[in-house]
Amino acid sequence: MNVHICKNLFESLKSAGFFSDIKPAEFGAAKIVQVKGQPAAAAQNPFEFIRSENPDTVFAALDLLDTHTAAIMLLAMPPLYASSLYTQFDTHKKKELAVLLLQVFTLSEKIVSAYAEYFAEKIRAQKIGEKERYGGTDFAVKFNELLPLKDWRMFIAAANDALPEKVSEVKKRVVEFEDIIHLSDRDIQKLLRETDSQLLAKALKGSDKAVQEKFYRNVSKRQAALLKEDMEYMGPLREKDRDNAQSKIIATIKALEEKGEIVIQRGDDDTLVD
């Protein structure tokens, strides 16, 4: 990146109220702190402060910057930290940054420090914004853990009418009884070993046919017949009791997943390979 580009960036940032004590003439000063994208030896990198910040907050603040400014920030940061941030950008921005990061530019120590102060301000603003945000997918995921199953299904169905994309994000982060159809046969058999047959019969009573068939295919014909018989002869079942049984099985699935004993495929990123 040449000095001319850096000066333009400087002017745009200065107009926003930053770098008031620095003159454009300081660009290209004798003290070179960036050469071929590698910082020269210095007593203290002005960007060291980011190590004590939440990495997610740092990336969120960086991602809001234009590509040229983000490139300067990355070049000024400790390389290991900068590389971890770079991997989080989308493919398009990665390509744009790659072109900029391989160019050569020179900045004085004072300019680099000013950019660090500017970025620190952006991080502070990001943290304030994070504190002020309520609701969203994080809230919905927590709600999933607290609401009775009937209320959760009503909640997610209503939300899906208005915000289908958000609901899709939520569903990738929670476990629902219907997710059982995405378990492998091996995982279903592990779940069966941890589940009482009477509890399973209650959970399957009136449930989705695809879920029922998933279990029938993973037990012997005799066991499947007994399970169907249990469901038939238990008579009418309160919806609350069915939901409680399903909630217990969901809890078992979560416990097995946390221990790494089963895998729930929630999207393309969870595709399994042999």
C-alpha atoms as a PDB file:
ATOM      1  CA  MET A   1       0.000   0.000   0.000  1.00  0.00           C
ATOM      2  CA  ASN A   2       1.513   3.363  -0.933  1.00  0.00           C
ATOM      3  CA  VAL A   3       1.745   6.528   1.125  1.00  0.00           C
ATOM      4  CA  HIS A   4      -0.841   8.288  -1.047  1.00  0.00           C
ATOM      5  CA  ILE A   5      -3.511   5.775  -0.067  1.00  0.00           C
ATOM      6  CA  CYS A   6      -2.567   6.102   3.585  1.00  0.00           C
ATOM      7  CA  LYS A   7      -2.877   9.890   3.412  1.00  0.00           C
ATOM      8  CA  ASN A   8      -6.363   9.615   1.950  1.00  0.00           C
ATOM      9  CA  LEU A   9      -7.344   7.269   4.764  1.00  0.00           C
ATOM     10  CA  PHE A  10      -5.837   9.672   7.260  1.00  0.00           C
ATOM     11  CA  GLU A  11      -7.862  12.603   5.914  1.00  0.00           C
ATOM     12  CA  SER A  12     -11.116  10.648   5.990  1.00  0.00           C
ATOM     13  CA  LEU A  13     -10.524   9.551   9.573  1.00  0.00           C
ATOM     14  CA  LYS A  14      -9.419  13.015  10.643  1.00  0.00           C
ATOM     15  CA  SER A  15     -12.655  14.474   9.270  1.00  0.00           C
ATOM     16  CA  ALA A  16     -14.482  12.107  11.604  1.00  0.00           C
ATOM     17  CA  GLY A  17     -12.701  13.619  14.602  1.00  0.00           C
ATOM     18  CA  PHE A  18      -9.667  11.358  14.944  1.00  0.00           C
ATOM     19  CA  PHE A  19      -5.929  12.106  14.712  1.00  0.00           C
ATOM     20  CA  SER A  20      -6.400  15.818  15.513  1.00  0.00           C
ATOM     21  CA  ASP A  21      -2.805  16.181  16.741  1.00  0.00           C
ATOM     22  CA  ILE A  22      -1.154  14.591  13.672  1.00  0.00           C
ATOM     23  CA  LYS A  23      -0.198  16.250  10.408  1.00  0.00           C
ATOM     24  CA  PRO A  24      -0.321  14.520   6.993  1.00  0.00           C
ATOM     25  CA  ALA A  25       3.382  15.325   6.578  1.00  0.00           C
ATOM     26  CA  GLU A  26       4.161  12.673   9.164  1.00  0.00           C
ATOM     27  CA  PHE A  27       3.308   9.979   6.632  1.00  0.00           C
ATOM     28  CA  GLY A  28       6.486   8.597   5.142  1.00  0.00           C
ATOM     29  CA  ALA A  29       8.519   9.872   8.105  1.00  0.00           C
ATOM     30  CA  ALA A  30      12.010   8.559   8.718  1.00  0.00           C
ATOM     31  CA  LYS A  31      10.818   6.054  11.311  1.00  0.00           C
ATOM     32  CA  ILE A  32       9.433   3.167   9.300  1.00  0.00           C
ATOM     33  CA  VAL A  33       7.309   0.826  11.335  1.00  0.00           C
ATOM     34  CA  GLN A  34       5.794  -1.217   8.495  1.00  0.00           C
ATOM     35  CA  VAL A  35       7.890  -2.748   5.722  1.00  0.00           C
ATOM     36  CA  LYS A  36       6.478  -5.478   3.442  1.00  0.00           C
ATOM     37  CA  GLY A  37       3.735  -6.077   5.931  1.00  0.00           C
ATOM     38  CA  GLN A  38       6.097  -6.953   8.792  1.00  0.00           C
ATOM     39  CA  PRO A  39       6.447  -4.664  11.835  1.00  0.00           C
ATOM     40  CA  ALA A  40       9.957  -3.534  12.713  1.00  0.00           C
ATOM     41  CA  ALA A  41      11.287  -4.182  16.189  1.00  0.00           C
ATOM     42  CA  ALA A  42       9.594  -1.933  18.740  1.00  0.00           C
ATOM     43  CA  ALA A  43       9.448  -1.722  22.485  1.00  0.00           C
ATOM     44  CA  GLN A  44       5.672  -2.080  22.520  1.00  0.00           C
ATOM     45  CA  ASN A  45       3.194  -2.715  19.724  1.00  0.00           C
ATOM     46  CA  PRO A  46       0.406  -0.116  20.123  1.00  0.00           C
ATOM     47  CA  PHE A  47      -2.109  -2.825  19.268  1.00  0.00           C
ATOM     48  CA  GLU A  48      -1.086  -5.113  22.152  1.00  0.00           C
ATOM     49  CA  PHE A  49      -4.212  -3.971  24.027  1.00  0.00           C
ATOM     50  CA  ILE A  50      -6.422  -6.149  21.822  1.00  0.00           C
ATOM     51  CA  ARG A  51      -5.039  -9.276  23.502  1.00  0.00           C
ATOM     52  CA  SER A  52      -7.098  -8.410  26.592  1.00  0.00           C
ATOM     53  CA  GLU A  53     -10.289  -7.865  24.582  1.00  0.00           C
ATOM     54  CA  ASN A  54     -12.917 -10.434  23.664  1.00  0.00           C
ATOM     55  CA  PRO A  55     -11.801 -11.829  20.252  1.00  0.00           C
ATOM     56  CA  ASP A  56     -15.389 -11.826  18.979  1.00  0.00           C
ATOM     57  CA  THR A  57     -15.736  -8.132  19.850  1.00  0.00           C
ATOM     58  CA  VAL A  58     -12.413  -7.307  18.181  1.00  0.00           C
ATOM     59  CA  PHE A  59     -13.439  -9.061  14.970  1.00  0.00           C
ATOM     60  CA  ALA A  60     -16.897  -7.454  14.978  1.00  0.00           C
ATOM     61  CA  ALA A  61     -15.289  -3.997  15.237  1.00  0.00           C
ATOM     62  CA  LEU A  62     -12.744  -4.840  12.533  1.00  0.00           C
ATOM     63  CA  ASP A  63     -15.378  -6.224  10.176  1.00  0.00           C
ATOM     64  CA  LEU A  64     -17.255  -2.909  10.255  1.00  0.00           C
ATOM     65  CA  LEU A  65     -14.247  -1.035   8.850  1.00  0.00           C
ATOM     66  CA  ASP A  66     -13.645  -0.515   5.145  1.00  0.00           C
ATOM     67  CA  THR A  67     -11.178  -2.961   3.620  1.00  0.00           C
ATOM     68  CA  HIS A  68      -8.261  -0.514   3.381  1.00  0.00           C
ATOM     69  CA  THR A  69      -8.535   0.530   7.012  1.00  0.00           C
ATOM     70  CA  ALA A  70      -8.942  -3.089   8.123  1.00  0.00           C
ATOM     71  CA  ALA A  71      -5.748  -3.945   6.218  1.00  0.00           C
ATOM     72  CA  ILE A  72      -3.773  -1.262   8.068  1.00  0.00           C
ATOM     73  CA  MET A  73      -5.109  -2.538  11.377  1.00  0.00           C
ATOM     74  CA  LEU A  74      -4.107  -6.118  10.562  1.00  0.00           C
ATOM     75  CA  LEU A  75      -0.618  -5.107   9.460  1.00  0.00           C
ATOM     76  CA  ALA A  76      -0.063  -3.146  12.664  1.00  0.00           C
ATOM     77  CA  MET A  77      -1.277  -5.956  14.944  1.00  0.00           C
ATOM     78  CA  PRO A  78       0.847  -8.811  16.283  1.00  0.00           C
ATOM     79  CA  PRO A  79       0.996 -11.219  13.284  1.00  0.00           C
ATOM     80  CA  LEU A  80      -0.368 -14.262  15.119  1.00  0.00           C
ATOM     81  CA  TYR A  81      -3.397 -12.327  16.331  1.00  0.00           C
ATOM     82  CA  ALA A  82      -3.905 -10.724  12.912  1.00  0.00           C
ATOM     83  CA  SER A  83      -3.867 -14.117  11.177  1.00  0.00           C
ATOM     84  CA  SER A  84      -6.561 -15.475  13.511  1.00  0.00           C
ATOM     85  CA  LEU A  85      -8.767 -12.483  12.698  1.00  0.00           C
ATOM     86  CA  TYR A  86      -8.144 -12.791   8.951  1.00  0.00           C
ATOM     87  CA  THR A  87      -9.505 -16.347   8.902  1.00  0.00           C
ATOM     88  CA  GLN A  88     -12.896 -15.094  10.129  1.00  0.00           C
ATOM     89  CA  PHE A  89     -13.645 -12.813   7.169  1.00  0.00           C
ATOM     90  CA  ASP A  90     -15.875 -13.974   4.339  1.00  0.00           C
ATOM     91  CA  THR A  91     -14.163 -15.183   1.165  1.00  0.00           C
ATOM     92  CA  HIS A  92     -14.702 -11.939  -0.762  1.00  0.00           C
ATOM     93  CA  LYS A  93     -13.146  -9.752   1.909  1.00  0.00           C
ATOM     94  CA  LYS A  94     -10.274 -12.214   2.381  1.00  0.00           C
ATOM     95  CA  LYS A  95      -9.382 -11.809  -1.293  1.00  0.00           C
ATOM     96  CA  GLU A  96      -9.495  -8.009  -1.092  1.00  0.00           C
ATOM     97  CA  LEU A  97      -7.357  -8.005   2.041  1.00  0.00           C
ATOM     98  CA  ALA A  98      -4.828 -10.417   0.540  1.00  0.00           C
ATOM     99  CA  VAL A  99      -4.033  -7.927  -2.233  1.00  0.00           C
ATOM    100  CA  LEU A 100      -3.570  -5.087   0.262  1.00  0.00           C
ATOM    101  CA  LEU A 101      -1.594  -7.046   2.847  1.00  0.00           C
ATOM    102  CA  LEU A 102       1.106  -7.964   0.340  1.00  0.00           C
ATOM    103  CA  GLN A 103       1.824  -4.334  -0.562  1.00  0.00           C
ATOM    104  CA  VAL A 104       4.510  -2.145   1.039  1.00  0.00           C
ATOM    105  CA  PHE A 105       3.772   1.048   2.946  1.00  0.00           C
ATOM    106  CA  THR A 106       5.498   3.216   5.511  1.00  0.00           C
ATOM    107  CA  LEU A 107       4.028   4.902   8.571  1.00  0.00           C
ATOM    108  CA  SER A 108       5.562   6.664  11.533  1.00  0.00           C
ATOM    109  CA  GLU A 109       5.175   5.251  15.020  1.00  0.00           C
ATOM    110  CA  LYS A 110       2.891   8.173  15.859  1.00  0.00           C
ATOM    111  CA  ILE A 111       0.535   7.297  13.016  1.00  0.00           C
ATOM    112  CA  VAL A 112       0.401   3.634  14.031  1.00  0.00           C
ATOM    113  CA  SER A 113      -0.376   4.677  17.605  1.00  0.00           C
ATOM    114  CA  ALA A 114      -3.143   6.922  16.318  1.00  0.00           C
ATOM    115  CA  TYR A 115      -4.680   4.052  14.374  1.00  0.00           C
ATOM    116  CA  ALA A 116      -4.493   1.932  17.522  1.00  0.00           C
ATOM    117  CA  GLU A 117      -6.376   4.644  19.440  1.00  0.00           C
ATOM    118  CA  TYR A 118      -8.935   4.841  16.645  1.00  0.00           C
ATOM    119  CA  PHE A 119      -9.450   1.081  16.736  1.00  0.00           C
ATOM    120  CA  ALA A 120      -9.694   1.078  20.533  1.00  0.00           C
ATOM    121  CA  GLU A 121     -12.523   3.605  20.184  1.00  0.00           C
ATOM    122  CA  LYS A 122     -14.241   1.344  17.660  1.00  0.00           C
ATOM    123  CA  ILE A 123     -13.965  -1.581  20.079  1.00  0.00           C
ATOM    124  CA  ARG A 124     -15.424   0.520  22.910  1.00  0.00           C
ATOM    125  CA  ALA A 125     -18.341   1.470  20.668  1.00  0.00           C
ATOM    126  CA  GLN A 126     -18.801  -2.178  19.722  1.00  0.00           C
ATOM    127  CA  LYS A 127     -18.918  -3.209  23.381  1.00  0.00           C
ATOM    128  CA  ILE A 128     -21.496  -0.541  24.157  1.00  0.00           C
ATOM    129  CA  GLY A 129     -23.573  -1.771  21.242  1.00  0.00           C
ATOM    130  CA  GLU A 130     -23.270  -5.356  22.462  1.00  0.00           C
ATOM    131  CA  LYS A 131     -24.462  -4.345  25.921  1.00  0.00           C
ATOM    132  CA  GLU A 132     -27.478  -2.588  24.453  1.00  0.00           C
ATOM    133  CA  ARG A 133     -28.597  -5.469  22.244  1.00  0.00           C
ATOM    134  CA  TYR A 134     -31.404  -7.663  23.514  1.00  0.00           C
ATOM    135  CA  GLY A 135     -33.265 -10.545  21.954  1.00  0.00           C
ATOM    136  CA  GLY A 136     -32.049 -12.219  18.788  1.00  0.00           C
ATOM    137  CA  THR A 137     -30.859 -15.768  18.242  1.00  0.00           C
ATOM    138  CA  ASP A 138     -28.888 -15.938  21.515  1.00  0.00           C
ATOM    139  CA  PHE A 139     -32.048 -15.124  23.444  1.00  0.00           C
ATOM    140  CA  ALA A 140     -34.052 -17.703  21.489  1.00  0.00           C
ATOM    141  CA  VAL A 141     -31.489 -20.414  22.212  1.00  0.00           C
ATOM    142  CA  LYS A 142     -31.697 -19.631  25.940  1.00  0.00           C
ATOM    143  CA  PHE A 143     -35.489 -19.600  25.701  1.00  0.00           C
ATOM    144  CA  ASN A 144     -35.325 -23.101  24.243  1.00  0.00           C
ATOM    145  CA  GLU A 145     -33.682 -24.318  27.438  1.00  0.00           C
ATOM    146  CA  LEU A 146     -36.309 -22.731  29.682  1.00  0.00           C
ATOM    147  CA  LEU A 147     -39.677 -22.977  27.947  1.00  0.00           C
ATOM    148  CA  PRO A 148     -41.977 -26.001  28.173  1.00  0.00           C
ATOM    149  CA  LEU A 149     -41.921 -27.905  24.881  1.00  0.00           C
ATOM    150  CA  LYS A 150     -45.451 -26.824  23.913  1.00  0.00           C
ATOM    151  CA  ASP A 151     -44.651 -23.143  24.406  1.00  0.00           C
ATOM    152  CA  TRP A 152     -41.336 -23.488  22.549  1.00  0.00           C
ATOM    153  CA  ARG A 153     -43.060 -24.984  19.524  1.00  0.00           C
ATOM    154  CA  MET A 154     -45.619 -22.185  19.540  1.00  0.00           C
ATOM    155  CA  PHE A 155     -42.823 -19.609  19.880  1.00  0.00           C
ATOM    156  CA  ILE A 156     -40.739 -20.973  17.015  1.00  0.00           C
ATOM    157  CA  ALA A 157     -43.762 -21.458  14.718  1.00  0.00           C
ATOM    158  CA  ALA A 158     -44.895 -17.865  15.217  1.00  0.00           C
ATOM    159  CA  ALA A 159     -41.372 -16.525  14.686  1.00  0.00           C
ATOM    160  CA  ASN A 160     -40.941 -18.600  11.544  1.00  0.00           C
ATOM    161  CA  ASP A 161     -43.832 -16.808   9.832  1.00  0.00           C
ATOM    162  CA  ALA A 162     -42.039 -13.454  10.097  1.00  0.00           C
ATOM    163  CA  LEU A 163     -38.349 -14.345  10.405  1.00  0.00           C
ATOM    164  CA  PRO A 164     -37.670 -17.698   8.705  1.00  0.00           C
ATOM    165  CA  GLU A 165     -33.925 -17.015   8.292  1.00  0.00           C
ATOM    166  CA  LYS A 166     -33.510 -16.231  12.002  1.00  0.00           C
ATOM    167  CA  VAL A 167     -35.470 -19.344  12.946  1.00  0.00           C
ATOM    168  CA  SER A 168     -33.186 -21.389  10.701  1.00  0.00           C
ATOM    169  CA  GLU A 169     -30.161 -20.011  12.603  1.00  0.00           C
ATOM    170  CA  VAL A 170     -31.784 -20.883  15.932  1.00  0.00           C
ATOM    171  CA  LYS A 171     -32.633 -24.421  14.849  1.00  0.00           C
ATOM    172  CA  LYS A 172     -28.964 -25.043  14.061  1.00  0.00           C
ATOM    173  CA  ARG A 173     -28.113 -24.282  17.696  1.00  0.00           C
ATOM    174  CA  VAL A 174     -30.822 -26.169  19.565  1.00  0.00           C
ATOM    175  CA  VAL A 175     -31.926 -29.784  19.829  1.00  0.00           C
ATOM    176  CA  GLU A 176     -35.531 -30.630  19.015  1.00  0.00           C
ATOM    177  CA  PHE A 177     -37.237 -33.996  19.203  1.00  0.00           C
ATOM    178  CA  GLU A 178     -37.696 -33.993  15.435  1.00  0.00           C
ATOM    179  CA  ASP A 179     -33.893 -33.753  15.012  1.00  0.00           C
ATOM    180  CA  ILE A 180     -33.805 -37.471  15.820  1.00  0.00           C
ATOM    181  CA  ILE A 181     -34.370 -38.211  12.125  1.00  0.00           C
ATOM    182  CA  HIS A 182     -30.899 -36.715  11.470  1.00  0.00           C
ATOM    183  CA  LEU A 183     -29.150 -39.143  13.819  1.00  0.00           C
ATOM    184  CA  SER A 184     -27.259 -42.050  12.308  1.00  0.00           C
ATOM    185  CA  ASP A 185     -28.495 -45.581  13.005  1.00  0.00           C
ATOM    186  CA  ARG A 186     -25.492 -46.107  15.279  1.00  0.00           C
ATOM    187  CA  ASP A 187     -26.392 -42.993  17.283  1.00  0.00           C
ATOM    188  CA  ILE A 188     -30.038 -44.065  17.535  1.00  0.00           C
ATOM    189  CA  GLN A 189     -28.883 -47.366  19.020  1.00  0.00           C
ATOM    190  CA  LYS A 190     -26.749 -45.504  21.580  1.00  0.00           C
ATOM    191  CA  LEU A 191     -29.769 -43.391  22.483  1.00  0.00           C
ATOM    192  CA  LEU A 192     -31.933 -46.495  22.858  1.00  0.00           C
ATOM    193  CA  ARG A 193     -29.462 -47.979  25.344  1.00  0.00           C
ATOM    194  CA  GLU A 194     -29.889 -44.852  27.490  1.00  0.00           C
ATOM    195  CA  THR A 195     -33.697 -44.661  27.222  1.00  0.00           C
ATOM    196  CA  ASP A 196     -36.398 -46.508  29.152  1.00  0.00           C
ATOM    197  CA  SER A 197     -38.833 -48.288  26.810  1.00  0.00           C
ATOM    198  CA  GLN A 198     -41.933 -46.893  28.578  1.00  0.00           C
ATOM    199  CA  LEU A 199     -40.531 -43.368  28.358  1.00  0.00           C
ATOM    200  CA  LEU A 200     -39.849 -43.879  24.640  1.00  0.00           C
ATOM    201  CA  ALA A 201     -43.380 -45.137  24.058  1.00  0.00           C
ATOM    202  CA  LYS A 202     -44.806 -41.983  25.674  1.00  0.00           C
ATOM    203  CA  ALA A 203     -42.476 -39.750  23.663  1.00  0.00           C
ATOM    204  CA  LEU A 204     -43.428 -41.411  20.372  1.00  0.00           C
ATOM    205  CA  LYS A 205     -47.174 -41.380  21.055  1.00  0.00           C
ATOM    206  CA  GLY A 206     -48.663 -39.054  18.431  1.00  0.00           C
ATOM    207  CA  SER A 207     -45.234 -37.904  17.265  1.00  0.00           C
ATOM    208  CA  ASP A 208     -44.036 -37.469  13.698  1.00  0.00           C
ATOM    209  CA  LYS A 209     -44.217 -40.721  11.720  1.00  0.00           C
ATOM    210  CA  ALA A 210     -40.681 -40.252  10.402  1.00  0.00           C
ATOM    211  CA  VAL A 211     -39.362 -40.145  13.966  1.00  0.00           C
ATOM    212  CA  GLN A 212     -41.287 -43.284  14.893  1.00  0.00           C
ATOM    213  CA  GLU A 213     -39.955 -45.134  11.844  1.00  0.00           C
ATOM    214  CA  LYS A 214     -36.405 -44.088  12.741  1.00  0.00           C
ATOM    215  CA  PHE A 215     -36.695 -46.033  15.989  1.00  0.00           C
ATOM    216  CA  TYR A 216     -38.562 -49.002  14.496  1.00  0.00           C
ATOM    217  CA  ARG A 217     -35.743 -49.527  11.975  1.00  0.00           C
ATOM    218  CA  ASN A 218     -33.157 -49.697  14.745  1.00  0.00           C
ATOM    219  CA  VAL A 219     -34.731 -52.397  16.902  1.00  0.00           C
ATOM    220  CA  SER A 220     -35.707 -55.986  16.210  1.00  0.00           C
ATOM    221  CA  LYS A 221     -39.126 -56.749  14.715  1.00  0.00           C
ATOM    222  CA  ARG A 222     -40.225 -58.087  18.100  1.00  0.00           C
ATOM    223  CA  GLN A 223     -39.066 -54.962  19.945  1.00  0.00           C
ATOM    224  CA  ALA A 224     -40.774 -52.738  17.370  1.00  0.00           C
ATOM    225  CA  ALA A 225     -44.007 -54.700  17.810  1.00  0.00           C
ATOM    226  CA  LEU A 226     -43.792 -54.364  21.605  1.00  0.00           C
ATOM    227  CA  LEU A 227     -43.152 -50.614  21.295  1.00  0.00           C
ATOM    228  CA  LYS A 228     -46.178 -50.171  19.046  1.00  0.00           C
ATOM    229  CA  GLU A 229     -48.241 -52.274  21.445  1.00  0.00           C
ATOM    230  CA  ASP A 230     -47.189 -50.123  24.411  1.00  0.00           C
ATOM    231  CA  MET A 231     -48.199 -46.989  22.505  1.00  0.00           C
ATOM    232  CA  GLU A 232     -51.575 -48.487  21.569  1.00  0.00           C
ATOM    233  CA  TYR A 233     -52.531 -49.870  24.966  1.00  0.00           C
ATOM    234  CA  MET A 234     -51.497 -46.880  27.082  1.00  0.00           C
ATOM    235  CA  GLY A 235     -54.643 -45.173  25.803  1.00  0.00           C
ATOM    236  CA  PRO A 236     -55.074 -41.413  25.472  1.00  0.00           C
ATOM    237  CA  LEU A 237     -52.025 -39.541  26.735  1.00  0.00           C
ATOM    238  CA  ARG A 238     -51.987 -35.983  27.993  1.00  0.00           C
ATOM    239  CA  GLU A 239     -49.973 -33.742  25.691  1.00  0.00           C
ATOM    240  CA  LYS A 240     -48.098 -32.476  28.735  1.00  0.00           C
ATOM    241  CA  ASP A 241     -46.966 -36.026  29.603  1.00  0.00           C
ATOM    242  CA  ARG A 242     -45.878 -36.665  25.991  1.00  0.00           C
ATOM    243  CA  ASP A 243     -43.910 -33.409  25.964  1.00  0.00           C
ATOM    244  CA  ASN A 244     -42.246 -34.239  29.288  1.00  0.00           C
ATOM    245  CA  ALA A 245     -41.137 -37.606  27.899  1.00  0.00           C
ATOM    246  CA  GLN A 246     -39.749 -35.948  24.769  1.00  0.00           C
ATOM    247  CA  SER A 247     -37.935 -33.342  26.882  1.00  0.00           C
ATOM    248  CA  LYS A 248     -36.203 -36.108  28.844  1.00  0.00           C
ATOM    249  CA  ILE A 249     -35.067 -37.782  25.632  1.00  0.00           C
ATOM    250  CA  ILE A 250     -33.840 -34.414  24.294  1.00  0.00           C
ATOM    251  CA  ALA A 251     -31.827 -34.006  27.511  1.00  0.00           C
ATOM    252  CA  THR A 252     -30.274 -37.445  26.927  1.00  0.00           C
ATOM    253  CA  ILE A 253     -29.399 -36.498  23.335  1.00  0.00           C
ATOM    254  CA  LYS A 254     -27.722 -33.290  24.538  1.00  0.00           C
ATOM    255  CA  ALA A 255     -25.743 -35.181  27.173  1.00  0.00           C
ATOM    256  CA  LEU A 256     -24.536 -37.749  24.629  1.00  0.00           C
ATOM    257  CA  GLU A 257     -23.626 -34.999  22.164  1.00  0.00           C
ATOM    258  CA  GLU A 258     -21.675 -33.066  24.813  1.00  0.00           C
ATOM    259  CA  LYS A 259     -19.687 -36.218  25.571  1.00  0.00           C
ATOM    260  CA  GLY A 260     -18.977 -36.656  21.866  1.00  0.00           C
ATOM    261  CA  GLU A 261     -20.789 -39.981  21.675  1.00  0.00           C
ATOM    262  CA  ILE A 262     -23.311 -38.893  19.039  1.00  0.00           C
ATOM    263  CA  VAL A 263     -23.460 -36.209  16.346  1.00  0.00           C
ATOM    264  CA  ILE A 264     -26.528 -34.222  15.335  1.00  0.00           C
ATOM    265  CA  GLN A 265     -26.279 -32.900  11.786  1.00  0.00           C
ATOM    266  CA  ARG A 266     -27.828 -29.434  11.840  1.00  0.00           C
ATOM    267  CA  GLY A 267     -26.723 -28.116   8.446  1.00  0.00           C
ATOM    268  CA  ASP A 268     -24.201 -28.310   5.625  1.00  0.00           C
ATOM    269  CA  ASP A 269     -21.316 -27.583   8.012  1.00  0.00           C
ATOM    270  CA  ASP A 270     -22.148 -30.750   9.928  1.00  0.00           C
ATOM    271  CA  THR A 271     -21.918 -33.113   6.956  1.00  0.00           C
ATOM    272  CA  LEU A 272     -20.075 -36.243   8.039  1.00  0.00           C
ATOM    273  CA  VAL A 273     -17.259 -37.880   6.080  1.00  0.00           C
ATOM    274  CA  ASP A 274     -15.923 -41.424   6.402  1.00  0.00           C
END
